[in-house]
């Protein structure tokens, strides 16, 4: 059973890192929206390709006040909830299986 515990602990660490990277990419996307960038740049296209599935559904909601878009803030709240929930469940499973 120790092997299952280690597996779940490793998954918790992996998901935690994935959520931290997503936080960082959303912050980079916000910063990119403030400055003029080349939309054909490979790095810019990669950041947009990764963050679009997170932000685009939220942009359909009425979260824009004037020129300020609050959808990234909601994205941070959702990512924080998912991070806490998923990583918490995986850590509890790791403890249950003996880590």
PDB file of N, CA and C in Angstrom:
ATOM      1  N   UNK A   1       0.815  -1.195   0.000  1.00  0.00           N
ATOM      2  CA  UNK A   1       0.000   0.000   0.000  1.00  0.00           C
ATOM      3  C   UNK A   1       0.861   1.261   0.000  1.00  0.00           C
ATOM      4  N   UNK A   2       2.095   1.133   0.445  1.00  0.00           N
ATOM      5  CA  UNK A   2       2.995   2.280   0.473  1.00  0.00           C
ATOM      6  C   UNK A   2       3.220   2.832  -0.930  1.00  0.00           C
ATOM      7  N   UNK A   3       3.232   1.949  -1.929  1.00  0.00           N
ATOM      8  CA  UNK A   3       3.454   2.385  -3.310  1.00  0.00           C
ATOM      9  C   UNK A   3       2.296   3.276  -3.773  1.00  0.00           C
ATOM     10  N   UNK A   4       1.065   2.917  -3.415  1.00  0.00           N
ATOM     11  CA  UNK A   4      -0.079   3.760  -3.777  1.00  0.00           C
ATOM     12  C   UNK A   4       0.008   5.113  -3.090  1.00  0.00           C
ATOM     13  N   UNK A   5       0.457   5.118  -1.854  1.00  0.00           N
ATOM     14  CA  UNK A   5       0.625   6.380  -1.134  1.00  0.00           C
ATOM     15  C   UNK A   5       1.643   7.276  -1.815  1.00  0.00           C
ATOM     16  N   UNK A   6       2.759   6.711  -2.224  1.00  0.00           N
ATOM     17  CA  UNK A   6       3.782   7.490  -2.928  1.00  0.00           C
ATOM     18  C   UNK A   6       3.247   7.987  -4.271  1.00  0.00           C
ATOM     19  N   UNK A   7       2.473   7.144  -4.943  1.00  0.00           N
ATOM     20  CA  UNK A   7       1.888   7.532  -6.223  1.00  0.00           C
ATOM     21  C   UNK A   7       0.976   8.743  -6.054  1.00  0.00           C
ATOM     22  N   UNK A   8       0.092   8.712  -5.052  1.00  0.00           N
ATOM     23  CA  UNK A   8      -0.816   9.832  -4.829  1.00  0.00           C
ATOM     24  C   UNK A   8      -0.077  11.075  -4.349  1.00  0.00           C
ATOM     25  N   UNK A   9       0.969  10.907  -3.559  1.00  0.00           N
ATOM     26  CA  UNK A   9       1.763  12.056  -3.136  1.00  0.00           C
ATOM     27  C   UNK A   9       2.462  12.691  -4.334  1.00  0.00           C
ATOM     28  N   UNK A  10       2.961  11.870  -5.239  1.00  0.00           N
ATOM     29  CA  UNK A  10       3.599  12.394  -6.450  1.00  0.00           C
ATOM     30  C   UNK A  10       2.592  13.092  -7.349  1.00  0.00           C
ATOM     31  N   UNK A  11       1.407  12.520  -7.469  1.00  0.00           N
ATOM     32  CA  UNK A  11       0.364  13.178  -8.257  1.00  0.00           C
ATOM     33  C   UNK A  11      -0.032  14.519  -7.650  1.00  0.00           C
ATOM     34  N   UNK A  12      -0.096  14.585  -6.323  1.00  0.00           N
ATOM     35  CA  UNK A  12      -0.420  15.852  -5.660  1.00  0.00           C
ATOM     36  C   UNK A  12       0.638  16.903  -5.978  1.00  0.00           C
ATOM     37  N   UNK A  13       1.894  16.514  -5.933  1.00  0.00           N
ATOM     38  CA  UNK A  13       2.970  17.447  -6.266  1.00  0.00           C
ATOM     39  C   UNK A  13       2.896  17.880  -7.725  1.00  0.00           C
ATOM     40  N   UNK A  14       2.630  16.937  -8.617  1.00  0.00           N
ATOM     41  CA  UNK A  14       2.527  17.249 -10.041  1.00  0.00           C
ATOM     42  C   UNK A  14       1.387  18.229 -10.313  1.00  0.00           C
ATOM     43  N   UNK A  15       0.210  17.957  -9.758  1.00  0.00           N
ATOM     44  CA  UNK A  15      -0.924  18.851  -9.978  1.00  0.00           C
ATOM     45  C   UNK A  15      -0.683  20.220  -9.351  1.00  0.00           C
ATOM     46  N   UNK A  16      -0.046  20.259  -8.206  1.00  0.00           N
ATOM     47  CA  UNK A  16       0.284  21.536  -7.585  1.00  0.00           C
ATOM     48  C   UNK A  16       1.191  22.361  -8.493  1.00  0.00           C
ATOM     49  N   UNK A  17       2.190  21.720  -9.088  1.00  0.00           N
ATOM     50  CA  UNK A  17       3.085  22.433 -10.002  1.00  0.00           C
ATOM     51  C   UNK A  17       2.338  22.889 -11.252  1.00  0.00           C
ATOM     52  N   UNK A  18       1.449  22.071 -11.766  1.00  0.00           N
ATOM     53  CA  UNK A  18       0.676  22.453 -12.955  1.00  0.00           C
ATOM     54  C   UNK A  18      -0.175  23.687 -12.668  1.00  0.00           C
ATOM     55  N   UNK A  19      -0.831  23.700 -11.512  1.00  0.00           N
ATOM     56  CA  UNK A  19      -1.647  24.863 -11.166  1.00  0.00           C
ATOM     57  C   UNK A  19      -0.790  26.112 -10.976  1.00  0.00           C
ATOM     58  N   UNK A  20       0.396  25.981 -10.394  1.00  0.00           N
ATOM     59  CA  UNK A  20       1.292  27.140 -10.233  1.00  0.00           C
ATOM     60  C   UNK A  20       1.739  27.675 -11.589  1.00  0.00           C
ATOM     61  N   UNK A  21       2.018  26.782 -12.527  1.00  0.00           N
ATOM     62  CA  UNK A  21       2.402  27.206 -13.880  1.00  0.00           C
ATOM     63  C   UNK A  21       1.229  27.913 -14.560  1.00  0.00           C
ATOM     64  N   UNK A  22       0.026  27.402 -14.375  1.00  0.00           N
ATOM     65  CA  UNK A  22      -1.143  28.061 -14.957  1.00  0.00           C
ATOM     66  C   UNK A  22      -1.353  29.448 -14.368  1.00  0.00           C
ATOM     67  N   UNK A  23      -1.145  29.603 -13.042  1.00  0.00           N
ATOM     68  CA  UNK A  23      -1.215  30.936 -12.432  1.00  0.00           C
ATOM     69  C   UNK A  23      -0.245  31.879 -13.128  1.00  0.00           C
ATOM     70  N   UNK A  24       0.989  31.424 -13.279  1.00  0.00           N
ATOM     71  CA  UNK A  24       2.031  32.238 -13.886  1.00  0.00           C
ATOM     72  C   UNK A  24       1.677  32.604 -15.322  1.00  0.00           C
ATOM     73  N   UNK A  25       1.160  31.657 -16.081  1.00  0.00           N
ATOM     74  CA  UNK A  25       0.797  31.933 -17.469  1.00  0.00           C
ATOM     75  C   UNK A  25      -0.366  32.915 -17.572  1.00  0.00           C
ATOM     76  N   UNK A  26      -1.309  32.863 -16.651  1.00  0.00           N
ATOM     77  CA  UNK A  26      -2.398  33.834 -16.654  1.00  0.00           C
ATOM     78  C   UNK A  26      -1.848  35.223 -16.330  1.00  0.00           C
ATOM     79  N   UNK A  27      -0.917  35.317 -15.397  1.00  0.00           N
ATOM     80  CA  UNK A  27      -0.290  36.604 -15.090  1.00  0.00           C
ATOM     81  C   UNK A  27       0.458  37.132 -16.315  1.00  0.00           C
ATOM     82  N   UNK A  28       1.188  36.276 -16.994  1.00  0.00           N
ATOM     83  CA  UNK A  28       1.900  36.683 -18.211  1.00  0.00           C
ATOM     84  C   UNK A  28       0.895  37.145 -19.265  1.00  0.00           C
ATOM     85  N   UNK A  29      -0.213  36.448 -19.389  1.00  0.00           N
ATOM     86  CA  UNK A  29      -1.248  36.851 -20.357  1.00  0.00           C
ATOM     87  C   UNK A  29      -1.792  38.226 -20.013  1.00  0.00           C
ATOM     88  N   UNK A  30      -1.989  38.506 -18.737  1.00  0.00           N
ATOM     89  CA  UNK A  30      -2.468  39.829 -18.323  1.00  0.00           C
ATOM     90  C   UNK A  30      -1.439  40.889 -18.696  1.00  0.00           C
ATOM     91  N   UNK A  31      -0.182  40.620 -18.412  1.00  0.00           N
ATOM     92  CA  UNK A  31       0.869  41.583 -18.743  1.00  0.00           C
ATOM     93  C   UNK A  31       0.982  41.787 -20.256  1.00  0.00           C
ATOM     94  N   UNK A  32       0.812  40.731 -21.027  1.00  0.00           N
ATOM     95  CA  UNK A  32       0.865  40.848 -22.487  1.00  0.00           C
ATOM     96  C   UNK A  32      -0.280  41.695 -23.030  1.00  0.00           C
ATOM     97  N   UNK A  33      -1.403  41.711 -22.320  1.00  0.00           N
ATOM     98  CA  UNK A  33      -2.530  42.520 -22.789  1.00  0.00           C
ATOM     99  C   UNK A  33      -2.284  44.016 -22.579  1.00  0.00           C
ATOM    100  N   UNK A  34      -1.321  44.362 -21.735  1.00  0.00           N
ATOM    101  CA  UNK A  34      -1.034  45.764 -21.460  1.00  0.00           C
ATOM    102  C   UNK A  34      -0.020  46.371 -22.416  1.00  0.00           C
ATOM    103  N   UNK A  35       0.759  45.526 -23.091  1.00  0.00           N
ATOM    104  CA  UNK A  35       1.810  46.041 -23.969  1.00  0.00           C
ATOM    105  C   UNK A  35       1.569  45.536 -25.388  1.00  0.00           C
ATOM    106  N   UNK A  36       2.017  46.308 -26.378  1.00  0.00           N
ATOM    107  CA  UNK A  36       1.860  45.813 -27.752  1.00  0.00           C
ATOM    108  C   UNK A  36       2.866  44.696 -28.036  1.00  0.00           C
ATOM    109  N   UNK A  37       2.355  43.558 -28.452  1.00  0.00           N
ATOM    110  CA  UNK A  37       3.207  42.402 -28.758  1.00  0.00           C
ATOM    111  C   UNK A  37       2.867  41.892 -30.148  1.00  0.00           C
ATOM    112  N   UNK A  38       3.790  41.168 -30.719  1.00  0.00           N
ATOM    113  CA  UNK A  38       3.583  40.544 -32.021  1.00  0.00           C
ATOM    114  C   UNK A  38       2.721  39.296 -31.827  1.00  0.00           C
ATOM    115  N   UNK A  39       1.503  39.266 -32.358  1.00  0.00           N
ATOM    116  CA  UNK A  39       0.639  38.092 -32.138  1.00  0.00           C
ATOM    117  C   UNK A  39       1.142  36.839 -32.843  1.00  0.00           C
ATOM    118  N   UNK A  40       2.124  36.980 -33.712  1.00  0.00           N
ATOM    119  CA  UNK A  40       2.659  35.816 -34.430  1.00  0.00           C
ATOM    120  C   UNK A  40       3.917  35.252 -33.768  1.00  0.00           C
ATOM    121  N   UNK A  41       4.324  35.865 -32.668  1.00  0.00           N
ATOM    122  CA  UNK A  41       5.464  35.353 -31.915  1.00  0.00           C
ATOM    123  C   UNK A  41       5.092  33.993 -31.329  1.00  0.00           C
ATOM    124  N   UNK A  42       6.005  33.036 -31.409  1.00  0.00           N
ATOM    125  CA  UNK A  42       5.709  31.667 -30.952  1.00  0.00           C
ATOM    126  C   UNK A  42       5.413  31.612 -29.455  1.00  0.00           C
ATOM    127  N   UNK A  43       6.129  32.394 -28.664  1.00  0.00           N
ATOM    128  CA  UNK A  43       5.904  32.378 -27.211  1.00  0.00           C
ATOM    129  C   UNK A  43       4.536  32.966 -26.895  1.00  0.00           C
ATOM    130  N   UNK A  44       4.205  34.066 -27.539  1.00  0.00           N
ATOM    131  CA  UNK A  44       2.893  34.696 -27.321  1.00  0.00           C
ATOM    132  C   UNK A  44       1.777  33.741 -27.747  1.00  0.00           C
ATOM    133  N   UNK A  45       1.940  33.097 -28.887  1.00  0.00           N
ATOM    134  CA  UNK A  45       0.929  32.141 -29.344  1.00  0.00           C
ATOM    135  C   UNK A  45       0.793  30.973 -28.369  1.00  0.00           C
ATOM    136  N   UNK A  46       1.901  30.522 -27.791  1.00  0.00           N
ATOM    137  CA  UNK A  46       1.848  29.417 -26.828  1.00  0.00           C
ATOM    138  C   UNK A  46       1.113  29.837 -25.557  1.00  0.00           C
ATOM    139  N   UNK A  47       1.410  31.037 -25.060  1.00  0.00           N
ATOM    140  CA  UNK A  47       0.737  31.526 -23.848  1.00  0.00           C
ATOM    141  C   UNK A  47      -0.760  31.655 -24.103  1.00  0.00           C
ATOM    142  N   UNK A  48      -1.124  32.196 -25.256  1.00  0.00           N
ATOM    143  CA  UNK A  48      -2.544  32.336 -25.580  1.00  0.00           C
ATOM    144  C   UNK A  48      -3.204  30.971 -25.764  1.00  0.00           C
ATOM    145  N   UNK A  49      -2.510  30.034 -26.386  1.00  0.00           N
ATOM    146  CA  UNK A  49      -3.090  28.703 -26.611  1.00  0.00           C
ATOM    147  C   UNK A  49      -3.335  27.969 -25.294  1.00  0.00           C
ATOM    148  N   UNK A  50      -2.469  28.185 -24.315  1.00  0.00           N
ATOM    149  CA  UNK A  50      -2.630  27.508 -23.027  1.00  0.00           C
ATOM    150  C   UNK A  50      -3.690  28.183 -22.165  1.00  0.00           C
ATOM    151  N   UNK A  51      -3.746  29.521 -22.199  1.00  0.00           N
ATOM    152  CA  UNK A  51      -4.673  30.238 -21.317  1.00  0.00           C
ATOM    153  C   UNK A  51      -6.051  30.467 -21.923  1.00  0.00           C
ATOM    154  N   UNK A  52      -6.190  30.348 -23.241  1.00  0.00           N
ATOM    155  CA  UNK A  52      -7.509  30.552 -23.856  1.00  0.00           C
ATOM    156  C   UNK A  52      -8.585  29.599 -23.333  1.00  0.00           C
ATOM    157  N   UNK A  53      -8.300  28.301 -23.168  1.00  0.00           N
ATOM    158  CA  UNK A  53      -9.358  27.424 -22.633  1.00  0.00           C
ATOM    159  C   UNK A  53      -9.804  27.810 -21.220  1.00  0.00           C
ATOM    160  N   UNK A  54      -8.969  28.512 -20.494  1.00  0.00           N
ATOM    161  CA  UNK A  54      -9.331  28.947 -19.149  1.00  0.00           C
ATOM    162  C   UNK A  54     -10.102  30.264 -19.201  1.00  0.00           C
ATOM    163  N   UNK A  55      -9.610  31.222 -19.991  1.00  0.00           N
ATOM    164  CA  UNK A  55     -10.163  32.573 -19.962  1.00  0.00           C
ATOM    165  C   UNK A  55     -11.338  32.804 -20.908  1.00  0.00           C
ATOM    166  N   UNK A  56     -11.353  32.157 -22.041  1.00  0.00           N
ATOM    167  CA  UNK A  56     -12.411  32.429 -23.027  1.00  0.00           C
ATOM    168  C   UNK A  56     -13.819  32.129 -22.504  1.00  0.00           C
ATOM    169  N   UNK A  57     -14.073  31.011 -21.826  1.00  0.00           N
ATOM    170  CA  UNK A  57     -15.440  30.812 -21.297  1.00  0.00           C
ATOM    171  C   UNK A  57     -15.820  31.875 -20.261  1.00  0.00           C
ATOM    172  N   UNK A  58     -14.837  32.365 -19.517  1.00  0.00           N
ATOM    173  CA  UNK A  58     -15.115  33.382 -18.508  1.00  0.00           C
ATOM    174  C   UNK A  58     -15.363  34.748 -19.133  1.00  0.00           C
ATOM    175  N   UNK A  59     -14.797  34.988 -20.316  1.00  0.00           N
ATOM    176  CA  UNK A  59     -15.012  36.272 -20.982  1.00  0.00           C
ATOM    177  C   UNK A  59     -16.433  36.408 -21.508  1.00  0.00           C
ATOM    178  N   UNK A  60     -17.150  35.314 -21.636  1.00  0.00           N
ATOM    179  CA  UNK A  60     -18.548  35.363 -22.070  1.00  0.00           C
ATOM    180  C   UNK A  60     -19.468  35.859 -20.961  1.00  0.00           C
ATOM    181  N   UNK A  61     -18.983  35.777 -19.721  1.00  0.00           N
ATOM    182  CA  UNK A  61     -19.766  36.257 -18.584  1.00  0.00           C
ATOM    183  C   UNK A  61     -19.673  37.776 -18.510  1.00  0.00           C
ATOM    184  N   UNK A  62     -20.664  38.440 -17.933  1.00  0.00           N
ATOM    185  CA  UNK A  62     -20.613  39.916 -17.839  1.00  0.00           C
ATOM    186  C   UNK A  62     -19.672  40.371 -16.716  1.00  0.00           C
ATOM    187  N   UNK A  63     -18.387  40.205 -16.943  1.00  0.00           N
ATOM    188  CA  UNK A  63     -17.381  40.546 -15.931  1.00  0.00           C
ATOM    189  C   UNK A  63     -16.547  41.757 -16.339  1.00  0.00           C
ATOM    190  N   UNK A  64     -16.971  42.474 -17.359  1.00  0.00           N
ATOM    191  CA  UNK A  64     -16.202  43.617 -17.825  1.00  0.00           C
ATOM    192  C   UNK A  64     -16.888  44.899 -17.382  1.00  0.00           C
ATOM    193  N   UNK A  65     -16.108  45.751 -16.709  1.00  0.00           N
ATOM    194  CA  UNK A  65     -16.601  47.049 -16.267  1.00  0.00           C
ATOM    195  C   UNK A  65     -15.770  48.101 -16.987  1.00  0.00           C
ATOM    196  N   UNK A  66     -16.369  48.754 -17.957  1.00  0.00           N
ATOM    197  CA  UNK A  66     -15.622  49.711 -18.769  1.00  0.00           C
ATOM    198  C   UNK A  66     -14.586  48.973 -19.595  1.00  0.00           C
ATOM    199  N   UNK A  67     -13.332  49.362 -19.417  1.00  0.00           N
ATOM    200  CA  UNK A  67     -12.249  48.689 -20.144  1.00  0.00           C
ATOM    201  C   UNK A  67     -11.552  47.645 -19.288  1.00  0.00           C
ATOM    202  N   UNK A  68     -12.020  47.457 -18.066  1.00  0.00           N
ATOM    203  CA  UNK A  68     -11.399  46.501 -17.149  1.00  0.00           C
ATOM    204  C   UNK A  68     -12.142  45.172 -17.224  1.00  0.00           C
ATOM    205  N   UNK A  69     -11.380  44.125 -17.476  1.00  0.00           N
ATOM    206  CA  UNK A  69     -11.939  42.772 -17.566  1.00  0.00           C
ATOM    207  C   UNK A  69     -11.572  42.013 -16.291  1.00  0.00           C
ATOM    208  N   UNK A  70     -12.579  41.554 -15.576  1.00  0.00           N
ATOM    209  CA  UNK A  70     -12.354  40.852 -14.317  1.00  0.00           C
ATOM    210  C   UNK A  70     -12.326  39.330 -14.485  1.00  0.00           C
ATOM    211  N   UNK A  71     -12.362  38.831 -15.708  1.00  0.00           N
ATOM    212  CA  UNK A  71     -12.341  37.383 -15.913  1.00  0.00           C
ATOM    213  C   UNK A  71     -11.034  36.736 -15.428  1.00  0.00           C
ATOM    214  N   UNK A  72      -9.855  37.384 -15.534  1.00  0.00           N
ATOM    215  CA  UNK A  72      -8.663  36.744 -14.956  1.00  0.00           C
ATOM    216  C   UNK A  72      -8.749  36.573 -13.437  1.00  0.00           C
ATOM    217  N   UNK A  73      -9.431  37.498 -12.758  1.00  0.00           N
ATOM    218  CA  UNK A  73      -9.580  37.359 -11.309  1.00  0.00           C
ATOM    219  C   UNK A  73     -10.437  36.137 -10.991  1.00  0.00           C
ATOM    220  N   UNK A  74     -11.516  35.956 -11.743  1.00  0.00           N
ATOM    221  CA  UNK A  74     -12.342  34.761 -11.555  1.00  0.00           C
ATOM    222  C   UNK A  74     -11.559  33.499 -11.902  1.00  0.00           C
ATOM    223  N   UNK A  75     -10.695  33.597 -12.918  1.00  0.00           N
ATOM    224  CA  UNK A  75      -9.847  32.453 -13.275  1.00  0.00           C
ATOM    225  C   UNK A  75      -8.919  32.103 -12.112  1.00  0.00           C
ATOM    226  N   UNK A  76      -8.356  33.122 -11.446  1.00  0.00           N
ATOM    227  CA  UNK A  76      -7.504  32.855 -10.285  1.00  0.00           C
ATOM    228  C   UNK A  76      -8.290  32.187  -9.166  1.00  0.00           C
ATOM    229  N   UNK A  77      -9.524  32.621  -8.944  1.00  0.00           N
ATOM    230  CA  UNK A  77     -10.357  32.021  -7.896  1.00  0.00           C
ATOM    231  C   UNK A  77     -10.652  30.558  -8.230  1.00  0.00           C
ATOM    232  N   UNK A  78     -11.002  30.291  -9.472  1.00  0.00           N
ATOM    233  CA  UNK A  78     -11.310  28.918  -9.886  1.00  0.00           C
ATOM    234  C   UNK A  78     -10.064  28.036  -9.801  1.00  0.00           C
ATOM    235  N   UNK A  79      -8.920  28.560 -10.273  1.00  0.00           N
ATOM    236  CA  UNK A  79      -7.680  27.778 -10.194  1.00  0.00           C
ATOM    237  C   UNK A  79      -7.282  27.514  -8.744  1.00  0.00           C
ATOM    238  N   UNK A  80      -7.485  28.499  -7.866  1.00  0.00           N
ATOM    239  CA  UNK A  80      -7.177  28.297  -6.452  1.00  0.00           C
ATOM    240  C   UNK A  80      -8.067  27.230  -5.841  1.00  0.00           C
ATOM    241  N   UNK A  81      -9.364  27.269  -6.169  1.00  0.00           N
ATOM    242  CA  UNK A  81     -10.278  26.257  -5.664  1.00  0.00           C
ATOM    243  C   UNK A  81      -9.883  24.870  -6.157  1.00  0.00           C
ATOM    244  N   UNK A  82      -9.634  24.757  -7.467  1.00  0.00           N
ATOM    245  CA  UNK A  82      -9.260  23.458  -8.023  1.00  0.00           C
ATOM    246  C   UNK A  82      -7.947  22.953  -7.445  1.00  0.00           C
ATOM    247  N   UNK A  83      -6.994  23.866  -7.272  1.00  0.00           N
ATOM    248  CA  UNK A  83      -5.710  23.495  -6.682  1.00  0.00           C
ATOM    249  C   UNK A  83      -5.923  22.949  -5.276  1.00  0.00           C
ATOM    250  N   UNK A  84      -6.675  23.673  -4.484  1.00  0.00           N
ATOM    251  CA  UNK A  84      -6.926  23.249  -3.111  1.00  0.00           C
ATOM    252  C   UNK A  84      -7.670  21.926  -3.065  1.00  0.00           C
ATOM    253  N   UNK A  85      -8.685  21.784  -3.899  1.00  0.00           N
ATOM    254  CA  UNK A  85      -9.506  20.578  -3.879  1.00  0.00           C
ATOM    255  C   UNK A  85      -8.736  19.362  -4.382  1.00  0.00           C
ATOM    256  N   UNK A  86      -8.179  19.452  -5.583  1.00  0.00           N
ATOM    257  CA  UNK A  86      -7.513  18.302  -6.205  1.00  0.00           C
ATOM    258  C   UNK A  86      -6.284  17.892  -5.405  1.00  0.00           C
ATOM    259  N   UNK A  87      -5.442  18.865  -5.074  1.00  0.00           N
ATOM    260  CA  UNK A  87      -4.220  18.535  -4.327  1.00  0.00           C
ATOM    261  C   UNK A  87      -4.576  18.036  -2.926  1.00  0.00           C
ATOM    262  N   UNK A  88      -5.597  18.619  -2.320  1.00  0.00           N
ATOM    263  CA  UNK A  88      -6.019  18.161  -0.994  1.00  0.00           C
ATOM    264  C   UNK A  88      -6.509  16.724  -1.005  1.00  0.00           C
ATOM    265  N   UNK A  89      -7.311  16.385  -1.994  1.00  0.00           N
ATOM    266  CA  UNK A  89      -7.815  15.009  -2.098  1.00  0.00           C
ATOM    267  C   UNK A  89      -6.661  14.037  -2.326  1.00  0.00           C
ATOM    268  N   UNK A  90      -5.742  14.402  -3.210  1.00  0.00           N
ATOM    269  CA  UNK A  90      -4.609  13.509  -3.480  1.00  0.00           C
ATOM    270  C   UNK A  90      -3.711  13.347  -2.251  1.00  0.00           C
ATOM    271  N   UNK A  91      -3.526  14.412  -1.491  1.00  0.00           N
ATOM    272  CA  UNK A  91      -2.718  14.301  -0.269  1.00  0.00           C
ATOM    273  C   UNK A  91      -3.412  13.425   0.769  1.00  0.00           C
ATOM    274  N   UNK A  92      -4.727  13.550   0.873  1.00  0.00           N
ATOM    275  CA  UNK A  92      -5.460  12.691   1.817  1.00  0.00           C
ATOM    276  C   UNK A  92      -5.388  11.226   1.402  1.00  0.00           C
ATOM    277  N   UNK A  93      -5.461  10.978   0.098  1.00  0.00           N
ATOM    278  CA  UNK A  93      -5.310   9.599  -0.374  1.00  0.00           C
ATOM    279  C   UNK A  93      -3.906   9.083  -0.085  1.00  0.00           C
ATOM    280  N   UNK A  94      -2.901   9.929  -0.215  1.00  0.00           N
ATOM    281  CA  UNK A  94      -1.541   9.517   0.083  1.00  0.00           C
ATOM    282  C   UNK A  94      -1.395   9.142   1.559  1.00  0.00           C
ATOM    283  N   UNK A  95      -1.995   9.943   2.430  1.00  0.00           N
ATOM    284  CA  UNK A  95      -1.929   9.638   3.868  1.00  0.00           C
ATOM    285  C   UNK A  95      -2.719   8.362   4.158  1.00  0.00           C
ATOM    286  N   UNK A  96      -3.865   8.197   3.514  1.00  0.00           N
ATOM    287  CA  UNK A  96      -4.668   7.006   3.720  1.00  0.00           C
ATOM    288  C   UNK A  96      -3.909   5.736   3.356  1.00  0.00           C
ATOM    289  N   UNK A  97      -3.110   5.816   2.288  1.00  0.00           N
ATOM    290  CA  UNK A  97      -2.362   4.653   1.836  1.00  0.00           C
ATOM    291  C   UNK A  97      -0.983   4.537   2.470  1.00  0.00           C
ATOM    292  N   UNK A  98      -0.695   5.360   3.463  1.00  0.00           N
ATOM    293  CA  UNK A  98       0.496   5.122   4.257  1.00  0.00           C
ATOM    294  C   UNK A  98       1.734   5.932   3.959  1.00  0.00           C
ATOM    295  N   UNK A  99       1.583   7.155   3.490  1.00  0.00           N
ATOM    296  CA  UNK A  99       2.773   8.001   3.312  1.00  0.00           C
ATOM    297  C   UNK A  99       2.850   8.957   4.470  1.00  0.00           C
TER     298      UNK A  99
END
